[in-house]
């Protein structure tokens, strides 16, 4: 296989032997790709920077390809503060959840658009929730917060089945959970708003965050996301520094 003119972003990289890199790439044409990259010693090339669009060429018949060409097509998207950690979170989600060599053109475009939007302050949480929902849906991992036809029924209790990724109902009298991974006592108005990405409804974003996180953690079999912990530490450090600043 020799394939060129491939649009790609770097999701993750690590050293490979003395001068090479093992790279996980998110490509438009092939989805997630694993490759070995050995920079040329004769001429300097672009760095394997995150949040930067590349055009690449891949060689090889096996699962692990060889990256022979790497051209940057634009300047890196510069993220800082919480936006940078959010970008790392997106990359880790894609790296951990995307299967190899399964194209997701719509998801690729949504990712590229979101990286650009992260440069503009505001609405960070909403943008992350919307991308999480798209990612889970694209991969067939389910995230149904408001089932079709729910408006025509009145239920006494609304809950979220973490294992199936969908809202479930109980009848006139609330019933005990049938599985350990069930989040109960959910407000139907907030569920409906979250499903429609209507973040003007107070509380909808918080509900989406809880349910998205529960579903993602289940799919990852409880293995922690490093970027999520780093973002938490960054935010906590910021709060501590703000409190300790004289005059505050």
Protein backbone atom coordinates (compact mmCIF):
# COMPACT_ATOMS: atom_id res chain seq x y z
CA UNK A 1 0.00 0.00 0.00
CA UNK A 2 1.17 3.48 -0.92
CA UNK A 3 -1.31 6.25 -0.20
CA UNK A 4 -0.58 9.96 -0.43
CA UNK A 5 -2.26 13.32 -0.03
CA UNK A 6 -3.91 12.16 3.20
CA UNK A 7 -5.33 14.76 5.59
CA UNK A 8 -4.24 14.06 9.16
CA UNK A 9 -3.87 15.28 12.73
CA UNK A 10 -1.49 13.84 15.33
CA UNK A 11 -3.35 12.34 18.31
CA UNK A 12 -0.47 10.76 20.21
CA UNK A 13 3.22 10.03 19.78
CA UNK A 14 6.06 8.40 21.65
CA UNK A 15 9.73 7.68 20.94
CA UNK A 16 10.55 4.69 18.76
CA UNK A 17 14.10 3.36 18.97
CA UNK A 18 16.79 6.04 18.70
CA UNK A 19 15.48 8.60 16.24
CA UNK A 20 11.97 7.54 15.31
CA UNK A 21 8.47 8.12 16.61
CA UNK A 22 5.47 5.86 16.97
CA UNK A 23 2.52 8.00 15.95
CA UNK A 24 -1.24 7.69 16.22
CA UNK A 25 -2.92 9.78 13.52
CA UNK A 26 -6.51 10.75 12.86
CA UNK A 27 -6.98 10.86 9.09
CA UNK A 28 -9.89 11.83 6.90
CA UNK A 29 -9.42 8.94 4.49
CA UNK A 30 -8.64 6.02 6.83
CA UNK A 31 -9.72 7.04 10.32
CA UNK A 32 -7.17 6.33 13.03
CA UNK A 33 -3.81 5.12 11.75
CA UNK A 34 -0.71 3.83 13.55
CA UNK A 35 2.62 4.60 11.90
CA UNK A 36 6.36 4.86 12.43
CA UNK A 37 7.94 8.18 11.51
CA UNK A 38 11.68 8.67 11.05
CA UNK A 39 12.55 12.30 10.29
CA UNK A 40 15.04 12.86 7.53
CA UNK A 41 18.56 13.68 8.73
CA UNK A 42 19.30 15.57 5.52
CA UNK A 43 16.64 18.23 5.92
CA UNK A 44 14.45 19.53 8.69
CA UNK A 45 10.75 18.91 8.45
CA UNK A 46 7.68 19.93 10.41
CA UNK A 47 7.36 18.82 14.00
CA UNK A 48 4.75 16.29 15.06
CA UNK A 49 2.72 19.00 16.74
CA UNK A 50 -0.78 18.40 18.04
CA UNK A 51 -3.65 20.57 16.77
CA UNK A 52 -1.98 21.03 13.39
CA UNK A 53 -3.32 19.87 10.05
CA UNK A 54 -0.88 17.78 7.96
CA UNK A 55 -0.85 16.14 4.57
CA UNK A 56 0.91 12.78 4.78
CA UNK A 57 1.94 9.76 2.76
CA UNK A 58 1.71 6.23 4.15
CA UNK A 59 3.51 3.05 3.10
CA UNK A 60 3.15 -0.55 4.25
CA UNK A 61 0.85 -3.55 4.12
CA UNK A 62 0.59 -4.37 7.82
CA UNK A 63 -1.36 -2.67 10.60
CA UNK A 64 1.63 -0.48 11.48
CA UNK A 65 2.42 1.81 8.55
CA UNK A 66 5.47 3.89 7.69
CA UNK A 67 5.00 7.64 7.52
CA UNK A 68 7.18 8.79 4.61
CA UNK A 69 5.93 12.31 4.01
CA UNK A 70 4.72 14.95 6.45
CA UNK A 71 3.77 18.40 5.21
CA UNK A 72 2.05 21.03 7.32
CA UNK A 73 -0.70 22.77 5.41
CA UNK A 74 -1.32 25.55 7.90
CA UNK A 75 0.11 27.02 11.07
CA UNK A 76 -0.59 25.08 14.27
CA UNK A 77 -3.78 25.96 16.09
CA UNK A 78 -2.53 27.71 19.21
CA UNK A 79 -4.43 26.73 22.33
CA UNK A 80 -3.69 27.82 25.87
CA UNK A 81 -5.10 27.38 29.34
CA UNK A 82 -8.24 25.31 29.63
CA UNK A 83 -8.61 25.22 25.83
CA UNK A 84 -5.26 23.45 25.51
CA UNK A 85 -6.23 20.83 28.08
CA UNK A 86 -9.57 20.43 26.30
CA UNK A 87 -7.65 19.75 23.08
CA UNK A 88 -5.56 17.10 24.82
CA UNK A 89 -8.81 15.57 26.12
CA UNK A 90 -10.26 15.39 22.61
CA UNK A 91 -7.08 13.74 21.31
CA UNK A 92 -7.08 11.18 24.09
CA UNK A 93 -10.75 10.35 23.51
CA UNK A 94 -10.12 9.74 19.82
CA UNK A 95 -6.93 7.78 20.49
CA UNK A 96 -8.61 5.55 23.06
CA UNK A 97 -11.98 5.04 21.35
CA UNK A 98 -11.41 5.07 17.59
CA UNK A 99 -10.71 1.67 16.00
CA UNK A 100 -7.87 1.45 13.51
CA UNK A 101 -8.56 1.99 9.80
CA UNK A 102 -12.25 2.82 10.04
CA UNK A 103 -13.03 6.11 8.26
CA UNK A 104 -15.17 8.71 10.02
CA UNK A 105 -15.20 11.65 7.63
CA UNK A 106 -17.93 13.57 9.44
CA UNK A 107 -16.21 13.15 12.79
CA UNK A 108 -12.88 14.26 11.29
CA UNK A 109 -14.42 17.48 10.01
CA UNK A 110 -16.17 18.09 13.33
CA UNK A 111 -12.85 17.64 15.14
CA UNK A 112 -11.03 20.06 12.83
CA UNK A 113 -13.80 22.64 13.22
CA UNK A 114 -13.83 22.26 17.00
CA UNK A 115 -10.07 22.83 17.30
CA UNK A 116 -10.51 26.15 15.53
CA UNK A 117 -13.46 27.10 17.74
CA UNK A 118 -11.47 26.34 20.88
CA UNK A 119 -9.30 29.35 20.07
CA UNK A 120 -12.31 31.57 20.77
CA UNK A 121 -13.11 31.93 24.50
CA UNK A 122 -16.48 30.81 25.78
CA UNK A 123 -18.86 27.86 25.57
CA UNK A 124 -16.06 25.35 26.13
CA UNK A 125 -18.17 22.90 28.13
CA UNK A 126 -20.98 22.94 25.58
CA UNK A 127 -18.59 22.28 22.70
CA UNK A 128 -17.03 19.33 24.50
CA UNK A 129 -20.41 17.80 25.34
CA UNK A 130 -21.57 18.08 21.74
CA UNK A 131 -18.40 16.44 20.41
CA UNK A 132 -18.61 13.63 22.99
CA UNK A 133 -22.16 12.91 21.87
CA UNK A 134 -21.17 12.89 18.20
CA UNK A 135 -18.19 10.61 18.87
CA UNK A 136 -20.24 8.05 20.80
CA UNK A 137 -22.98 8.12 18.20
CA UNK A 138 -20.56 7.76 15.26
CA UNK A 139 -18.97 4.71 16.87
CA UNK A 140 -22.31 3.08 17.59
CA UNK A 141 -21.70 3.29 21.33
CA UNK A 142 -25.04 4.87 22.01
CA UNK A 143 -26.02 8.06 23.76
CA UNK A 144 -29.79 8.41 23.71
CA UNK A 145 -30.83 11.05 26.20
CA UNK A 146 -34.38 11.53 24.96
CA UNK A 147 -35.94 8.61 23.08
CA UNK A 148 -38.28 9.23 20.20
CA UNK A 149 -41.90 9.37 21.25
CA UNK A 150 -41.18 10.09 24.91
CA UNK A 151 -43.33 13.24 24.75
CA UNK A 152 -46.47 11.14 24.27
CA UNK A 153 -46.05 9.31 27.59
CA UNK A 154 -46.00 10.28 31.23
CA UNK A 155 -43.53 8.39 33.35
CA UNK A 156 -43.02 8.55 37.08
CA UNK A 157 -39.28 8.10 36.89
CA UNK A 158 -36.53 8.70 34.37
CA UNK A 159 -33.14 6.99 34.58
CA UNK A 160 -30.02 6.47 32.46
CA UNK A 161 -28.73 2.97 31.73
CA UNK A 162 -24.96 3.47 31.61
CA UNK A 163 -24.31 0.04 30.09
CA UNK A 164 -26.63 0.68 27.14
CA UNK A 165 -26.15 4.43 26.90
CA UNK A 166 -29.80 5.36 26.90
CA UNK A 167 -32.60 6.76 29.01
CA UNK A 168 -35.04 4.24 30.45
CA UNK A 169 -38.44 4.79 32.06
CA UNK A 170 -40.38 3.41 34.96
CA UNK A 171 -44.18 3.39 35.07
CA UNK A 172 -46.59 4.96 37.52
CA UNK A 173 -44.65 3.63 40.48
CA UNK A 174 -40.84 3.89 40.52
CA UNK A 175 -39.12 0.52 40.41
CA UNK A 176 -35.76 -0.46 41.84
CA UNK A 177 -32.76 -0.43 39.50
CA UNK A 178 -32.32 -3.64 37.53
CA UNK A 179 -28.61 -3.11 37.00
CA UNK A 180 -25.84 -1.46 39.01
CA UNK A 181 -25.06 1.01 36.21
CA UNK A 182 -28.27 3.01 36.37
CA UNK A 183 -28.46 6.72 37.23
CA UNK A 184 -31.93 7.48 38.58
CA UNK A 185 -34.00 10.51 39.47
CA UNK A 186 -33.36 12.47 36.28
CA UNK A 187 -35.40 15.52 35.31
CA UNK A 188 -37.12 14.91 31.94
CA UNK A 189 -36.97 18.63 31.04
CA UNK A 190 -33.19 18.61 31.47
CA UNK A 191 -32.82 15.37 29.53
CA UNK A 192 -34.85 16.76 26.66
CA UNK A 193 -32.83 19.99 26.62
CA UNK A 194 -29.50 18.11 26.74
CA UNK A 195 -30.57 15.85 23.87
CA UNK A 196 -31.36 18.94 21.78
CA UNK A 197 -28.19 20.80 22.87
CA UNK A 198 -30.36 23.54 24.32
CA UNK A 199 -27.83 24.82 26.83
CA UNK A 200 -29.96 27.86 27.64
CA UNK A 201 -31.90 25.58 30.02
CA UNK A 202 -30.20 25.83 33.41
CA UNK A 203 -28.88 22.44 34.50
CA UNK A 204 -28.95 20.78 31.07
CA UNK A 205 -25.19 21.07 30.60
CA UNK A 206 -24.49 19.62 34.04
CA UNK A 207 -26.74 16.62 33.38
CA UNK A 208 -25.09 16.02 30.01
CA UNK A 209 -21.66 16.08 31.62
CA UNK A 210 -22.63 13.48 34.23
CA UNK A 211 -24.25 11.11 31.73
CA UNK A 212 -21.58 11.50 29.04
CA UNK A 213 -18.83 10.87 31.57
CA UNK A 214 -20.57 7.80 32.96
CA UNK A 215 -21.00 6.33 29.48
CA UNK A 216 -17.42 7.10 28.40
CA UNK A 217 -16.01 5.61 31.61
CA UNK A 218 -18.05 2.46 31.04
CA UNK A 219 -16.83 2.10 27.44
CA UNK A 220 -13.24 2.59 28.65
CA UNK A 221 -13.85 -0.08 31.31
CA UNK A 222 -13.04 2.34 34.08
CA UNK A 223 -9.53 3.12 32.84
CA UNK A 224 -8.87 6.80 33.66
CA UNK A 225 -8.25 9.50 31.10
CA UNK A 226 -4.96 11.26 31.87
CA UNK A 227 -6.06 14.49 30.19
CA UNK A 228 -9.16 14.70 32.37
CA UNK A 229 -7.04 14.51 35.53
CA UNK A 230 -4.59 17.09 34.16
CA UNK A 231 -7.43 19.51 33.43
CA UNK A 232 -8.82 19.00 36.93
CA UNK A 233 -5.40 19.73 38.46
CA UNK A 234 -5.00 22.82 36.29
CA UNK A 235 -8.38 24.21 37.34
CA UNK A 236 -7.72 23.46 41.00
CA UNK A 237 -4.32 25.18 40.80
CA UNK A 238 -5.95 28.22 39.24
CA UNK A 239 -8.48 28.46 42.04
CA UNK A 240 -5.77 28.17 44.69
CA UNK A 241 -3.63 30.86 43.04
CA UNK A 242 -6.63 33.17 42.72
CA UNK A 243 -7.44 32.84 46.42
CA UNK A 244 -3.83 33.44 47.44
CA UNK A 245 -3.34 36.54 45.27
CA UNK A 246 -3.12 39.70 47.44
CA UNK A 247 -6.06 42.04 47.07
CA UNK A 248 -8.45 39.29 46.03
